[in-house]
Amino acid sequence: MVYKIKLRDDYIKLGQALKAAGLVESGVDAKMAVLDGLVCVNGNTELQRGKKLYDGDIVSYDGETIMIEK
């Protein structure tokens, strides 16, 4: 499934995006998923939970996709 997140500001942080899409329950779950190397941003494994996501970025996690849109 593809989740679309509309930006209210210029960016959203990776952990917030995972929570907003409902792919993780909490910030702790987001942190663990990222630190375990399970999250990709634009095809690259991302290890920073605070990574800023901008319009056009694509996040992959647990077989799901999040598209960031302005």
PDB file of N, CA and C in Angstrom:
ATOM      1  N   MET A   1       0.845  -1.184   0.000  1.00  0.00           N
ATOM      2  CA  MET A   1       0.000   0.000   0.000  1.00  0.00           C
ATOM      3  C   MET A   1       0.890   1.247   0.000  1.00  0.00           C
ATOM      4  N   VAL A   2       0.379   2.301  -0.624  1.00  0.00           N
ATOM      5  CA  VAL A   2       1.115   3.562  -0.678  1.00  0.00           C
ATOM      6  C   VAL A   2       0.374   4.595   0.169  1.00  0.00           C
ATOM      7  N   TYR A   3       1.096   5.167   1.116  1.00  0.00           N
ATOM      8  CA  TYR A   3       0.539   6.231   1.961  1.00  0.00           C
ATOM      9  C   TYR A   3       1.066   7.553   1.442  1.00  0.00           C
ATOM     10  N   LYS A   4       0.210   8.554   1.383  1.00  0.00           N
ATOM     11  CA  LYS A   4       0.637   9.885   0.954  1.00  0.00           C
ATOM     12  C   LYS A   4       0.521  10.831   2.141  1.00  0.00           C
ATOM     13  N   ILE A   5       1.608  11.549   2.397  1.00  0.00           N
ATOM     14  CA  ILE A   5       1.626  12.520   3.484  1.00  0.00           C
ATOM     15  C   ILE A   5       1.794  13.904   2.875  1.00  0.00           C
ATOM     16  N   LYS A   6       0.839  14.769   3.159  1.00  0.00           N
ATOM     17  CA  LYS A   6       0.893  16.154   2.691  1.00  0.00           C
ATOM     18  C   LYS A   6       1.687  16.980   3.703  1.00  0.00           C
ATOM     19  N   LEU A   7       2.664  17.706   3.216  1.00  0.00           N
ATOM     20  CA  LEU A   7       3.481  18.553   4.086  1.00  0.00           C
ATOM     21  C   LEU A   7       2.713  19.800   4.504  1.00  0.00           C
ATOM     22  N   ARG A   8       2.747  20.105   5.792  1.00  0.00           N
ATOM     23  CA  ARG A   8       2.192  21.370   6.287  1.00  0.00           C
ATOM     24  C   ARG A   8       3.289  22.424   6.313  1.00  0.00           C
ATOM     25  N   ASP A   9       4.513  21.981   6.515  1.00  0.00           N
ATOM     26  CA  ASP A   9       5.685  22.863   6.529  1.00  0.00           C
ATOM     27  C   ASP A   9       6.581  22.470   5.357  1.00  0.00           C
ATOM     28  N   ASP A  10       7.829  22.890   5.393  1.00  0.00           N
ATOM     29  CA  ASP A  10       8.758  22.560   4.310  1.00  0.00           C
ATOM     30  C   ASP A  10       9.207  21.101   4.352  1.00  0.00           C
ATOM     31  N   TYR A  11       9.150  20.485   5.541  1.00  0.00           N
ATOM     32  CA  TYR A  11       9.611  19.103   5.678  1.00  0.00           C
ATOM     33  C   TYR A  11       8.881  18.425   6.835  1.00  0.00           C
ATOM     34  N   ILE A  12       9.045  17.093   6.895  1.00  0.00           N
ATOM     35  CA  ILE A  12       8.596  16.301   8.041  1.00  0.00           C
ATOM     36  C   ILE A  12       9.741  15.364   8.379  1.00  0.00           C
ATOM     37  N   LYS A  13       9.927  15.086   9.645  1.00  0.00           N
ATOM     38  CA  LYS A  13      11.007  14.181  10.044  1.00  0.00           C
ATOM     39  C   LYS A  13      10.574  12.734   9.824  1.00  0.00           C
ATOM     40  N   LEU A  14      11.554  11.889   9.562  1.00  0.00           N
ATOM     41  CA  LEU A  14      11.306  10.488   9.236  1.00  0.00           C
ATOM     42  C   LEU A  14      10.453   9.787  10.287  1.00  0.00           C
ATOM     43  N   GLY A  15      10.808   9.930  11.555  1.00  0.00           N
ATOM     44  CA  GLY A  15      10.038   9.276  12.621  1.00  0.00           C
ATOM     45  C   GLY A  15       8.594   9.744  12.637  1.00  0.00           C
ATOM     46  N   GLN A  16       8.376  11.030  12.407  1.00  0.00           N
ATOM     47  CA  GLN A  16       7.020  11.585  12.376  1.00  0.00           C
ATOM     48  C   GLN A  16       6.233  11.027  11.192  1.00  0.00           C
ATOM     49  N   ALA A  17       6.899  10.862  10.064  1.00  0.00           N
ATOM     50  CA  ALA A  17       6.234  10.328   8.870  1.00  0.00           C
ATOM     51  C   ALA A  17       5.802   8.882   9.093  1.00  0.00           C
ATOM     52  N   LEU A  18       6.663   8.087   9.720  1.00  0.00           N
ATOM     53  CA  LEU A  18       6.308   6.691  10.004  1.00  0.00           C
ATOM     54  C   LEU A  18       5.100   6.613  10.924  1.00  0.00           C
ATOM     55  N   LYS A  19       5.053   7.495  11.922  1.00  0.00           N
ATOM     56  CA  LYS A  19       3.906   7.536  12.838  1.00  0.00           C
ATOM     57  C   LYS A  19       2.656   8.041  12.123  1.00  0.00           C
ATOM     58  N   ALA A  20       2.791   9.087  11.322  1.00  0.00           N
ATOM     59  CA  ALA A  20       1.641   9.678  10.623  1.00  0.00           C
ATOM     60  C   ALA A  20       0.989   8.678   9.669  1.00  0.00           C
ATOM     61  N   ALA A  21       1.784   7.817   9.066  1.00  0.00           N
ATOM     62  CA  ALA A  21       1.255   6.816   8.142  1.00  0.00           C
ATOM     63  C   ALA A  21       0.676   5.609   8.891  1.00  0.00           C
ATOM     64  N   GLY A  22       0.924   5.554  10.203  1.00  0.00           N
ATOM     65  CA  GLY A  22       0.416   4.443  10.997  1.00  0.00           C
ATOM     66  C   GLY A  22       1.246   3.182  10.882  1.00  0.00           C
ATOM     67  N   LEU A  23       2.482   3.314  10.403  1.00  0.00           N
ATOM     68  CA  LEU A  23       3.339   2.137  10.238  1.00  0.00           C
ATOM     69  C   LEU A  23       4.055   1.752  11.523  1.00  0.00           C
ATOM     70  N   VAL A  24       4.124   2.674  12.478  1.00  0.00           N
ATOM     71  CA  VAL A  24       4.677   2.383  13.806  1.00  0.00           C
ATOM     72  C   VAL A  24       3.740   2.988  14.841  1.00  0.00           C
ATOM     73  N   GLU A  25       3.781   2.440  16.045  1.00  0.00           N
ATOM     74  CA  GLU A  25       2.893   2.895  17.112  1.00  0.00           C
ATOM     75  C   GLU A  25       3.399   4.156  17.817  1.00  0.00           C
ATOM     76  N   SER A  26       4.725   4.245  17.958  1.00  0.00           N
ATOM     77  CA  SER A  26       5.285   5.328  18.765  1.00  0.00           C
ATOM     78  C   SER A  26       6.633   5.778  18.215  1.00  0.00           C
ATOM     79  N   GLY A  27       7.131   6.852  18.809  1.00  0.00           N
ATOM     80  CA  GLY A  27       8.455   7.337  18.441  1.00  0.00           C
ATOM     81  C   GLY A  27       9.538   6.317  18.742  1.00  0.00           C
ATOM     82  N   VAL A  28       9.341   5.556  19.812  1.00  0.00           N
ATOM     83  CA  VAL A  28      10.317   4.512  20.176  1.00  0.00           C
ATOM     84  C   VAL A  28      10.344   3.433  19.093  1.00  0.00           C
ATOM     85  N   ASP A  29       9.165   3.030  18.618  1.00  0.00           N
ATOM     86  CA  ASP A  29       9.108   2.025  17.554  1.00  0.00           C
ATOM     87  C   ASP A  29       9.771   2.547  16.284  1.00  0.00           C
ATOM     88  N   ALA A  30       9.542   3.825  15.973  1.00  0.00           N
ATOM     89  CA  ALA A  30      10.169   4.431  14.792  1.00  0.00           C
ATOM     90  C   ALA A  30      11.683   4.422  14.941  1.00  0.00           C
ATOM     91  N   LYS A  31      12.143   4.798  16.117  1.00  0.00           N
ATOM     92  CA  LYS A  31      13.582   4.839  16.373  1.00  0.00           C
ATOM     93  C   LYS A  31      14.211   3.460  16.183  1.00  0.00           C
ATOM     94  N   MET A  32      13.567   2.429  16.727  1.00  0.00           N
ATOM     95  CA  MET A  32      14.117   1.076  16.621  1.00  0.00           C
ATOM     96  C   MET A  32      14.122   0.591  15.171  1.00  0.00           C
ATOM     97  N   ALA A  33      13.054   0.873  14.437  1.00  0.00           N
ATOM     98  CA  ALA A  33      12.990   0.461  13.030  1.00  0.00           C
ATOM     99  C   ALA A  33      14.113   1.113  12.230  1.00  0.00           C
ATOM    100  N   VAL A  34      14.343   2.399  12.483  1.00  0.00           N
ATOM    101  CA  VAL A  34      15.391   3.128  11.764  1.00  0.00           C
ATOM    102  C   VAL A  34      16.771   2.611  12.163  1.00  0.00           C
ATOM    103  N   LEU A  35      17.019   2.486  13.464  1.00  0.00           N
ATOM    104  CA  LEU A  35      18.332   2.024  13.931  1.00  0.00           C
ATOM    105  C   LEU A  35      18.636   0.596  13.496  1.00  0.00           C
ATOM    106  N   ASP A  36      17.586  -0.214  13.300  1.00  0.00           N
ATOM    107  CA  ASP A  36      17.781  -1.597  12.848  1.00  0.00           C
ATOM    108  C   ASP A  36      18.009  -1.674  11.338  1.00  0.00           C
ATOM    109  N   GLY A  37      17.995  -0.515  10.662  1.00  0.00           N
ATOM    110  CA  GLY A  37      18.258  -0.487   9.225  1.00  0.00           C
ATOM    111  C   GLY A  37      17.099  -0.986   8.384  1.00  0.00           C
ATOM    112  N   LEU A  38      15.882  -0.886   8.898  1.00  0.00           N
ATOM    113  CA  LEU A  38      14.710  -1.409   8.191  1.00  0.00           C
ATOM    114  C   LEU A  38      14.002  -0.365   7.333  1.00  0.00           C
ATOM    115  N   VAL A  39      14.452   0.889   7.391  1.00  0.00           N
ATOM    116  CA  VAL A  39      13.775   1.977   6.689  1.00  0.00           C
ATOM    117  C   VAL A  39      14.677   2.520   5.573  1.00  0.00           C
ATOM    118  N   CYS A  40      14.087   2.685   4.388  1.00  0.00           N
ATOM    119  CA  CYS A  40      14.823   3.265   3.262  1.00  0.00           C
ATOM    120  C   CYS A  40      14.178   4.578   2.853  1.00  0.00           C
ATOM    121  N   VAL A  41      15.016   5.548   2.512  1.00  0.00           N
ATOM    122  CA  VAL A  41      14.547   6.830   1.977  1.00  0.00           C
ATOM    123  C   VAL A  41      15.156   6.975   0.586  1.00  0.00           C
ATOM    124  N   ASN A  42      14.289   7.095  -0.405  1.00  0.00           N
ATOM    125  CA  ASN A  42      14.729   7.211  -1.806  1.00  0.00           C
ATOM    126  C   ASN A  42      15.673   6.071  -2.194  1.00  0.00           C
ATOM    127  N   GLY A  43      15.378   4.867  -1.695  1.00  0.00           N
ATOM    128  CA  GLY A  43      16.145   3.680  -2.068  1.00  0.00           C
ATOM    129  C   GLY A  43      17.390   3.419  -1.249  1.00  0.00           C
ATOM    130  N   ASN A  44      17.713   4.299  -0.309  1.00  0.00           N
ATOM    131  CA  ASN A  44      18.912   4.124   0.520  1.00  0.00           C
ATOM    132  C   ASN A  44      18.531   3.899   1.977  1.00  0.00           C
ATOM    133  N   THR A  45      19.184   2.951   2.637  1.00  0.00           N
ATOM    134  CA  THR A  45      18.932   2.701   4.045  1.00  0.00           C
ATOM    135  C   THR A  45      19.243   3.959   4.835  1.00  0.00           C
ATOM    136  N   GLU A  46      18.304   4.353   5.693  1.00  0.00           N
ATOM    137  CA  GLU A  46      18.462   5.582   6.488  1.00  0.00           C
ATOM    138  C   GLU A  46      18.567   5.223   7.959  1.00  0.00           C
ATOM    139  N   LEU A  47      19.579   5.744   8.636  1.00  0.00           N
ATOM    140  CA  LEU A  47      19.813   5.433  10.046  1.00  0.00           C
ATOM    141  C   LEU A  47      19.550   6.620  10.966  1.00  0.00           C
ATOM    142  N   GLN A  48      19.019   7.720  10.426  1.00  0.00           N
ATOM    143  CA  GLN A  48      18.719   8.904  11.242  1.00  0.00           C
ATOM    144  C   GLN A  48      17.205   9.085  11.346  1.00  0.00           C
ATOM    145  N   ARG A  49      16.679   8.917  12.539  1.00  0.00           N
ATOM    146  CA  ARG A  49      15.236   9.074  12.744  1.00  0.00           C
ATOM    147  C   ARG A  49      14.794  10.504  12.452  1.00  0.00           C
ATOM    148  N   GLY A  50      15.693  11.469  12.683  1.00  0.00           N
ATOM    149  CA  GLY A  50      15.375  12.873  12.476  1.00  0.00           C
ATOM    150  C   GLY A  50      15.613  13.363  11.057  1.00  0.00           C
ATOM    151  N   LYS A  51      15.905  12.448  10.139  1.00  0.00           N
ATOM    152  CA  LYS A  51      16.135  12.822   8.727  1.00  0.00           C
ATOM    153  C   LYS A  51      14.951  13.641   8.218  1.00  0.00           C
ATOM    154  N   LYS A  52      15.245  14.780   7.609  1.00  0.00           N
ATOM    155  CA  LYS A  52      14.189  15.645   7.090  1.00  0.00           C
ATOM    156  C   LYS A  52      13.750  15.141   5.721  1.00  0.00           C
ATOM    157  N   LEU A  53      12.443  14.984   5.565  1.00  0.00           N
ATOM    158  CA  LEU A  53      11.873  14.527   4.306  1.00  0.00           C
ATOM    159  C   LEU A  53      11.175  15.704   3.629  1.00  0.00           C
ATOM    160  N   TYR A  54      11.398  15.819   2.333  1.00  0.00           N
ATOM    161  CA  TYR A  54      10.846  16.927   1.565  1.00  0.00           C
ATOM    162  C   TYR A  54       9.930  16.403   0.458  1.00  0.00           C
ATOM    163  N   ASP A  55       9.263  17.327  -0.214  1.00  0.00           N
ATOM    164  CA  ASP A  55       8.378  16.992  -1.324  1.00  0.00           C
ATOM    165  C   ASP A  55       9.091  16.078  -2.318  1.00  0.00           C
ATOM    166  N   GLY A  56       8.462  14.952  -2.644  1.00  0.00           N
ATOM    167  CA  GLY A  56       9.035  14.023  -3.615  1.00  0.00           C
ATOM    168  C   GLY A  56       9.804  12.870  -3.003  1.00  0.00           C
ATOM    169  N   ASP A  57      10.114  12.938  -1.712  1.00  0.00           N
ATOM    170  CA  ASP A  57      10.836  11.835  -1.069  1.00  0.00           C
ATOM    171  C   ASP A  57       9.918  10.620  -0.932  1.00  0.00           C
ATOM    172  N   ILE A  58      10.526   9.434  -1.022  1.00  0.00           N
ATOM    173  CA  ILE A  58       9.789   8.188  -0.895  1.00  0.00           C
ATOM    174  C   ILE A  58      10.436   7.344   0.186  1.00  0.00           C
ATOM    175  N   VAL A  59       9.610   6.898   1.141  1.00  0.00           N
ATOM    176  CA  VAL A  59      10.076   6.093   2.271  1.00  0.00           C
ATOM    177  C   VAL A  59       9.523   4.682   2.112  1.00  0.00           C
ATOM    178  N   SER A  60      10.376   3.681   2.330  1.00  0.00           N
ATOM    179  CA  SER A  60       9.948   2.286   2.287  1.00  0.00           C
ATOM    180  C   SER A  60      10.211   1.645   3.641  1.00  0.00           C
ATOM    181  N   TYR A  61       9.202   0.918   4.150  1.00  0.00           N
ATOM    182  CA  TYR A  61       9.346   0.233   5.431  1.00  0.00           C
ATOM    183  C   TYR A  61       8.359  -0.920   5.498  1.00  0.00           C
ATOM    184  N   ASP A  62       8.835  -2.100   5.810  1.00  0.00           N
ATOM    185  CA  ASP A  62       7.983  -3.261   6.049  1.00  0.00           C
ATOM    186  C   ASP A  62       7.033  -3.524   4.871  1.00  0.00           C
ATOM    187  N   GLY A  63       7.538  -3.366   3.656  1.00  0.00           N
ATOM    188  CA  GLY A  63       6.744  -3.623   2.471  1.00  0.00           C
ATOM    189  C   GLY A  63       5.751  -2.521   2.123  1.00  0.00           C
ATOM    190  N   GLU A  64       5.774  -1.431   2.878  1.00  0.00           N
ATOM    191  CA  GLU A  64       4.873  -0.304   2.644  1.00  0.00           C
ATOM    192  C   GLU A  64       5.667   0.888   2.116  1.00  0.00           C
ATOM    193  N   THR A  65       4.974   1.791   1.445  1.00  0.00           N
ATOM    194  CA  THR A  65       5.617   2.968   0.869  1.00  0.00           C
ATOM    195  C   THR A  65       4.904   4.231   1.326  1.00  0.00           C
ATOM    196  N   ILE A  66       5.692   5.240   1.663  1.00  0.00           N
ATOM    197  CA  ILE A  66       5.153   6.557   2.014  1.00  0.00           C
ATOM    198  C   ILE A  66       5.687   7.558   0.999  1.00  0.00           C
ATOM    199  N   MET A  67       4.782   8.322   0.395  1.00  0.00           N
ATOM    200  CA  MET A  67       5.179   9.381  -0.535  1.00  0.00           C
ATOM    201  C   MET A  67       4.941  10.723   0.150  1.00  0.00           C
ATOM    202  N   ILE A  68       5.952  11.568   0.109  1.00  0.00           N
ATOM    203  CA  ILE A  68       5.852  12.899   0.716  1.00  0.00           C
ATOM    204  C   ILE A  68       5.466  13.886  -0.380  1.00  0.00           C
ATOM    205  N   GLU A  69       4.394  14.634  -0.123  1.00  0.00           N
ATOM    206  CA  GLU A  69       3.894  15.590  -1.118  1.00  0.00           C
ATOM    207  C   GLU A  69       3.696  16.962  -0.513  1.00  0.00           C
ATOM    208  N   LYS A  70       3.899  17.982  -1.317  1.00  0.00           N
ATOM    209  CA  LYS A  70       3.668  19.373  -0.880  1.00  0.00           C
ATOM    210  C   LYS A  70       2.200  19.684  -0.968  1.00  0.00           C
TER     211      LYS A  70
END
